[in-house]
Amino acid sequence: MKRLAVLLLFLFVSTLQAQHMDNDKLELIIKQNADTLNGIPGNWKFIYKETPMLCVTDETNNRMRIISPITASDNLDKDVLLDAMTANFHSALDVKYAITNKILWSVYIHPLKELTEEQVNSAISQVYYAAKTFGSTFSSTELIFGTGNAKGKSKEVIPEEKTREF
């Protein structure tokens, strides 16, 4: 019982000390990572390792995204799109591939206030790697959860009867 009380106290104190990210803190973290930074609070353009990125926030609705353009979506064939969707499940980890306005992007989306400095640093790195590895390993880090893509590499197969359970 004593251990449970200590654990609950620890969790409560940890919650109170949780970082509450805002545009000012986020801008400082991006400045530490970026080669260049332009824009206004909540709407920044920056270069990270020669890769253009955008960071857009909405403090009112507690949202943040870091994105990097990869290519025009018109340039993508069916197999590459399938590879990107497979990567969203296996190798893109916290980053996803997404299309809007006829552009394929590497995208990290997260609630703003709950972000930690470590998560922002990781997000910038993952967006970068997902953009750079698009078309080859489709990965945001060296870690790959599961396997496979549409180009004949090893694939994880989920039996059809398992997919019906969902």
C-alpha atoms as a PDB file:
ATOM      1  CA  MET A   1       0.000   0.000   0.000  1.00  0.00           C
ATOM      2  CA  LYS A   2       2.863   2.334   0.861  1.00  0.00           C
ATOM      3  CA  ARG A   3       4.450   1.685  -2.546  1.00  0.00           C
ATOM      4  CA  LEU A   4       1.191   2.521  -4.294  1.00  0.00           C
ATOM      5  CA  ALA A   5       0.952   5.823  -2.412  1.00  0.00           C
ATOM      6  CA  VAL A   6       4.543   6.717  -3.348  1.00  0.00           C
ATOM      7  CA  LEU A   7       3.912   5.789  -6.980  1.00  0.00           C
ATOM      8  CA  LEU A   8       0.757   7.915  -7.116  1.00  0.00           C
ATOM      9  CA  LEU A   9       2.589  10.848  -5.524  1.00  0.00           C
ATOM     10  CA  PHE A  10       5.423  10.491  -8.041  1.00  0.00           C
ATOM     11  CA  LEU A  11       2.972  10.431 -10.963  1.00  0.00           C
ATOM     12  CA  PHE A  12       1.149  13.488  -9.610  1.00  0.00           C
ATOM     13  CA  VAL A  13       4.389  15.464  -9.169  1.00  0.00           C
ATOM     14  CA  SER A  14       5.592  14.389 -12.627  1.00  0.00           C
ATOM     15  CA  THR A  15       2.358  15.660 -14.135  1.00  0.00           C
ATOM     16  CA  LEU A  16       2.741  18.998 -12.370  1.00  0.00           C
ATOM     17  CA  GLN A  17       6.307  19.340 -13.640  1.00  0.00           C
ATOM     18  CA  ALA A  18       5.437  18.326 -17.206  1.00  0.00           C
ATOM     19  CA  GLN A  19       6.674  20.761 -19.779  1.00  0.00           C
ATOM     20  CA  HIS A  20       3.956  22.956 -21.214  1.00  0.00           C
ATOM     21  CA  MET A  21       5.241  23.725 -24.680  1.00  0.00           C
ATOM     22  CA  ASP A  22       4.281  26.990 -26.296  1.00  0.00           C
ATOM     23  CA  ASN A  23       5.418  28.930 -29.352  1.00  0.00           C
ATOM     24  CA  ASP A  24       8.224  30.724 -27.503  1.00  0.00           C
ATOM     25  CA  LYS A  25       9.793  27.483 -26.214  1.00  0.00           C
ATOM     26  CA  LEU A  26       9.251  25.735 -29.527  1.00  0.00           C
ATOM     27  CA  GLU A  27      10.954  28.530 -31.451  1.00  0.00           C
ATOM     28  CA  LEU A  28      14.031  28.290 -29.203  1.00  0.00           C
ATOM     29  CA  ILE A  29      14.262  24.526 -29.781  1.00  0.00           C
ATOM     30  CA  ILE A  30      13.915  24.917 -33.541  1.00  0.00           C
ATOM     31  CA  LYS A  31      16.621  27.632 -33.510  1.00  0.00           C
ATOM     32  CA  GLN A  32      18.976  25.210 -31.747  1.00  0.00           C
ATOM     33  CA  ASN A  33      18.449  22.640 -34.536  1.00  0.00           C
ATOM     34  CA  ALA A  34      17.943  24.699 -37.673  1.00  0.00           C
ATOM     35  CA  ASP A  35      20.518  26.065 -40.082  1.00  0.00           C
ATOM     36  CA  THR A  36      18.169  28.997 -40.775  1.00  0.00           C
ATOM     37  CA  LEU A  37      14.831  30.073 -39.309  1.00  0.00           C
ATOM     38  CA  ASN A  38      12.287  32.563 -40.677  1.00  0.00           C
ATOM     39  CA  GLY A  39       8.680  33.372 -39.977  1.00  0.00           C
ATOM     40  CA  ILE A  40       6.464  34.428 -37.149  1.00  0.00           C
ATOM     41  CA  PRO A  41       5.499  32.613 -33.927  1.00  0.00           C
ATOM     42  CA  GLY A  42       3.431  29.590 -34.866  1.00  0.00           C
ATOM     43  CA  ASN A  43       4.428  29.644 -38.529  1.00  0.00           C
ATOM     44  CA  TRP A  44       8.115  29.062 -39.168  1.00  0.00           C
ATOM     45  CA  LYS A  45      10.100  28.056 -42.227  1.00  0.00           C
ATOM     46  CA  PHE A  46      13.496  26.576 -41.536  1.00  0.00           C
ATOM     47  CA  ILE A  47      16.304  24.590 -43.093  1.00  0.00           C
ATOM     48  CA  TYR A  48      17.626  21.497 -41.315  1.00  0.00           C
ATOM     49  CA  LYS A  49      20.608  19.743 -42.917  1.00  0.00           C
ATOM     50  CA  GLU A  50      19.796  21.402 -46.263  1.00  0.00           C
ATOM     51  CA  THR A  51      16.174  20.187 -46.064  1.00  0.00           C
ATOM     52  CA  PRO A  52      13.331  22.732 -46.048  1.00  0.00           C
ATOM     53  CA  MET A  53      10.807  22.345 -43.233  1.00  0.00           C
ATOM     54  CA  LEU A  54       7.783  24.135 -41.873  1.00  0.00           C
ATOM     55  CA  CYS A  55       6.462  24.206 -38.339  1.00  0.00           C
ATOM     56  CA  VAL A  56       2.878  25.332 -37.836  1.00  0.00           C
ATOM     57  CA  THR A  57       1.147  25.582 -34.480  1.00  0.00           C
ATOM     58  CA  ASP A  58      -2.305  26.391 -33.181  1.00  0.00           C
ATOM     59  CA  GLU A  59      -1.993  27.230 -29.489  1.00  0.00           C
ATOM     60  CA  THR A  60      -5.771  27.675 -29.113  1.00  0.00           C
ATOM     61  CA  ASN A  61      -6.468  24.127 -30.297  1.00  0.00           C
ATOM     62  CA  ASN A  62      -3.254  22.640 -28.870  1.00  0.00           C
ATOM     63  CA  ARG A  63      -1.841  21.375 -32.182  1.00  0.00           C
ATOM     64  CA  MET A  64       1.593  21.396 -33.793  1.00  0.00           C
ATOM     65  CA  ARG A  65       3.026  19.954 -36.959  1.00  0.00           C
ATOM     66  CA  ILE A  66       6.468  19.846 -38.491  1.00  0.00           C
ATOM     67  CA  ILE A  67       6.487  19.034 -42.202  1.00  0.00           C
ATOM     68  CA  SER A  68       8.896  18.738 -45.103  1.00  0.00           C
ATOM     69  CA  PRO A  69       7.950  18.621 -48.797  1.00  0.00           C
ATOM     70  CA  ILE A  70       9.221  15.583 -50.686  1.00  0.00           C
ATOM     71  CA  THR A  71       7.820  15.642 -54.236  1.00  0.00           C
ATOM     72  CA  ALA A  72       4.776  16.466 -56.320  1.00  0.00           C
ATOM     73  CA  SER A  73       2.178  13.764 -55.777  1.00  0.00           C
ATOM     74  CA  ASP A  74       1.655  13.577 -59.562  1.00  0.00           C
ATOM     75  CA  ASN A  75       5.160  12.025 -59.739  1.00  0.00           C
ATOM     76  CA  LEU A  76       4.158   9.002 -57.656  1.00  0.00           C
ATOM     77  CA  ASP A  77       3.179   5.651 -59.099  1.00  0.00           C
ATOM     78  CA  LYS A  78       0.942   3.084 -57.375  1.00  0.00           C
ATOM     79  CA  ASP A  79       3.830   0.969 -56.041  1.00  0.00           C
ATOM     80  CA  VAL A  80       5.570   3.951 -54.449  1.00  0.00           C
ATOM     81  CA  LEU A  81       2.311   5.067 -52.815  1.00  0.00           C
ATOM     82  CA  LEU A  82       1.832   1.532 -51.505  1.00  0.00           C
ATOM     83  CA  ASP A  83       5.390   1.583 -50.145  1.00  0.00           C
ATOM     84  CA  ALA A  84       4.684   4.892 -48.395  1.00  0.00           C
ATOM     85  CA  MET A  85       1.487   3.534 -46.813  1.00  0.00           C
ATOM     86  CA  THR A  86       3.335   0.411 -45.680  1.00  0.00           C
ATOM     87  CA  ALA A  87       6.077   2.603 -44.212  1.00  0.00           C
ATOM     88  CA  ASN A  88       3.462   4.564 -42.258  1.00  0.00           C
ATOM     89  CA  PHE A  89       2.778   1.318 -40.407  1.00  0.00           C
ATOM     90  CA  HIS A  90       6.303  -0.086 -40.146  1.00  0.00           C
ATOM     91  CA  SER A  91       9.232   2.260 -40.617  1.00  0.00           C
ATOM     92  CA  ALA A  92       8.075   5.871 -40.509  1.00  0.00           C
ATOM     93  CA  LEU A  93       7.436   5.556 -36.743  1.00  0.00           C
ATOM     94  CA  ASP A  94       6.264   8.951 -35.357  1.00  0.00           C
ATOM     95  CA  VAL A  95       6.297  10.545 -38.806  1.00  0.00           C
ATOM     96  CA  LYS A  96       3.843   9.808 -41.587  1.00  0.00           C
ATOM     97  CA  TYR A  97       3.800  10.323 -45.326  1.00  0.00           C
ATOM     98  CA  ALA A  98       0.819  12.431 -46.401  1.00  0.00           C
ATOM     99  CA  ILE A  99      -0.459  14.253 -49.459  1.00  0.00           C
ATOM    100  CA  THR A 100      -2.087  17.669 -49.550  1.00  0.00           C
ATOM    101  CA  ASN A 101      -2.262  20.275 -52.294  1.00  0.00           C
ATOM    102  CA  LYS A 102      -0.648  17.783 -54.708  1.00  0.00           C
ATOM    103  CA  ILE A 103       2.531  17.568 -52.608  1.00  0.00           C
ATOM    104  CA  LEU A 104       3.812  14.525 -50.725  1.00  0.00           C
ATOM    105  CA  TRP A 105       5.064  15.513 -47.267  1.00  0.00           C
ATOM    106  CA  SER A 106       6.903  13.976 -44.361  1.00  0.00           C
ATOM    107  CA  VAL A 107       4.691  14.955 -41.395  1.00  0.00           C
ATOM    108  CA  TYR A 108       4.930  14.930 -37.594  1.00  0.00           C
ATOM    109  CA  ILE A 109       1.752  15.961 -35.743  1.00  0.00           C
ATOM    110  CA  HIS A 110       1.384  16.238 -31.975  1.00  0.00           C
ATOM    111  CA  PRO A 111      -0.509  18.148 -29.284  1.00  0.00           C
ATOM    112  CA  LEU A 112       1.544  21.297 -28.640  1.00  0.00           C
ATOM    113  CA  LYS A 113       1.371  21.681 -24.844  1.00  0.00           C
ATOM    114  CA  GLU A 114       2.353  18.086 -24.139  1.00  0.00           C
ATOM    115  CA  LEU A 115       5.502  18.201 -26.278  1.00  0.00           C
ATOM    116  CA  THR A 116       8.862  17.866 -24.591  1.00  0.00           C
ATOM    117  CA  GLU A 117      12.134  19.249 -25.897  1.00  0.00           C
ATOM    118  CA  GLU A 118      13.293  15.697 -26.635  1.00  0.00           C
ATOM    119  CA  GLN A 119      10.168  15.023 -28.704  1.00  0.00           C
ATOM    120  CA  VAL A 120      10.699  18.187 -30.769  1.00  0.00           C
ATOM    121  CA  ASN A 121      14.327  17.249 -31.420  1.00  0.00           C
ATOM    122  CA  SER A 122      13.237  13.742 -32.408  1.00  0.00           C
ATOM    123  CA  ALA A 123      10.429  15.089 -34.592  1.00  0.00           C
ATOM    124  CA  ILE A 124      12.791  17.305 -36.581  1.00  0.00           C
ATOM    125  CA  SER A 125      15.197  14.410 -37.070  1.00  0.00           C
ATOM    126  CA  GLN A 126      12.452  11.961 -38.047  1.00  0.00           C
ATOM    127  CA  VAL A 127      10.851  14.365 -40.538  1.00  0.00           C
ATOM    128  CA  TYR A 128      14.284  14.850 -42.082  1.00  0.00           C
ATOM    129  CA  TYR A 129      15.082  11.122 -42.342  1.00  0.00           C
ATOM    130  CA  ALA A 130      11.632  10.203 -43.666  1.00  0.00           C
ATOM    131  CA  ALA A 131      12.021  12.824 -46.399  1.00  0.00           C
ATOM    132  CA  LYS A 132      15.570  11.726 -47.244  1.00  0.00           C
ATOM    133  CA  THR A 133      14.810   7.992 -47.299  1.00  0.00           C
ATOM    134  CA  PHE A 134      11.604   8.279 -49.315  1.00  0.00           C
ATOM    135  CA  GLY A 135      11.927   5.918 -52.258  1.00  0.00           C
ATOM    136  CA  SER A 136      14.540   3.710 -50.596  1.00  0.00           C
ATOM    137  CA  THR A 137      14.042   2.550 -46.987  1.00  0.00           C
ATOM    138  CA  PHE A 138      11.083   4.848 -46.234  1.00  0.00           C
ATOM    139  CA  SER A 139      12.279   5.156 -42.638  1.00  0.00           C
ATOM    140  CA  SER A 140      12.438   7.957 -40.103  1.00  0.00           C
ATOM    141  CA  THR A 141      15.168   6.295 -38.007  1.00  0.00           C
ATOM    142  CA  GLU A 142      17.310   3.187 -38.127  1.00  0.00           C
ATOM    143  CA  LEU A 143      14.593   1.323 -36.215  1.00  0.00           C
ATOM    144  CA  ILE A 144      12.016  -0.522 -38.318  1.00  0.00           C
ATOM    145  CA  PHE A 145       8.919  -1.965 -36.668  1.00  0.00           C
ATOM    146  CA  GLY A 146       7.887  -4.939 -38.800  1.00  0.00           C
ATOM    147  CA  THR A 147       9.052  -5.344 -42.390  1.00  0.00           C
ATOM    148  CA  GLY A 148       8.185  -5.026 -45.996  1.00  0.00           C
ATOM    149  CA  ASN A 149       7.275  -2.916 -48.965  1.00  0.00           C
ATOM    150  CA  ALA A 150       5.662  -3.411 -52.353  1.00  0.00           C
ATOM    151  CA  LYS A 151       8.956  -3.898 -54.202  1.00  0.00           C
ATOM    152  CA  GLY A 152       9.393  -7.518 -53.252  1.00  0.00           C
ATOM    153  CA  LYS A 153      11.275  -7.090 -50.000  1.00  0.00           C
ATOM    154  CA  SER A 154      10.357  -9.307 -47.086  1.00  0.00           C
ATOM    155  CA  LYS A 155       6.788  -8.660 -45.960  1.00  0.00           C
ATOM    156  CA  GLU A 156       4.963  -9.350 -42.749  1.00  0.00           C
ATOM    157  CA  VAL A 157       1.810 -11.231 -43.654  1.00  0.00           C
ATOM    158  CA  ILE A 158      -1.290 -10.937 -41.511  1.00  0.00           C
ATOM    159  CA  PRO A 159      -3.651 -13.853 -42.187  1.00  0.00           C
ATOM    160  CA  GLU A 160      -6.953 -12.778 -43.725  1.00  0.00           C
ATOM    161  CA  GLU A 161      -8.928 -14.219 -40.825  1.00  0.00           C
ATOM    162  CA  LYS A 162      -7.023 -11.883 -38.458  1.00  0.00           C
ATOM    163  CA  THR A 163      -7.932  -8.806 -40.503  1.00  0.00           C
ATOM    164  CA  ARG A 164     -11.629  -9.672 -40.245  1.00  0.00           C
ATOM    165  CA  GLU A 165     -11.399  -9.322 -36.449  1.00  0.00           C
ATOM    166  CA  PHE A 166     -11.061  -5.588 -36.882  1.00  0.00           C
END
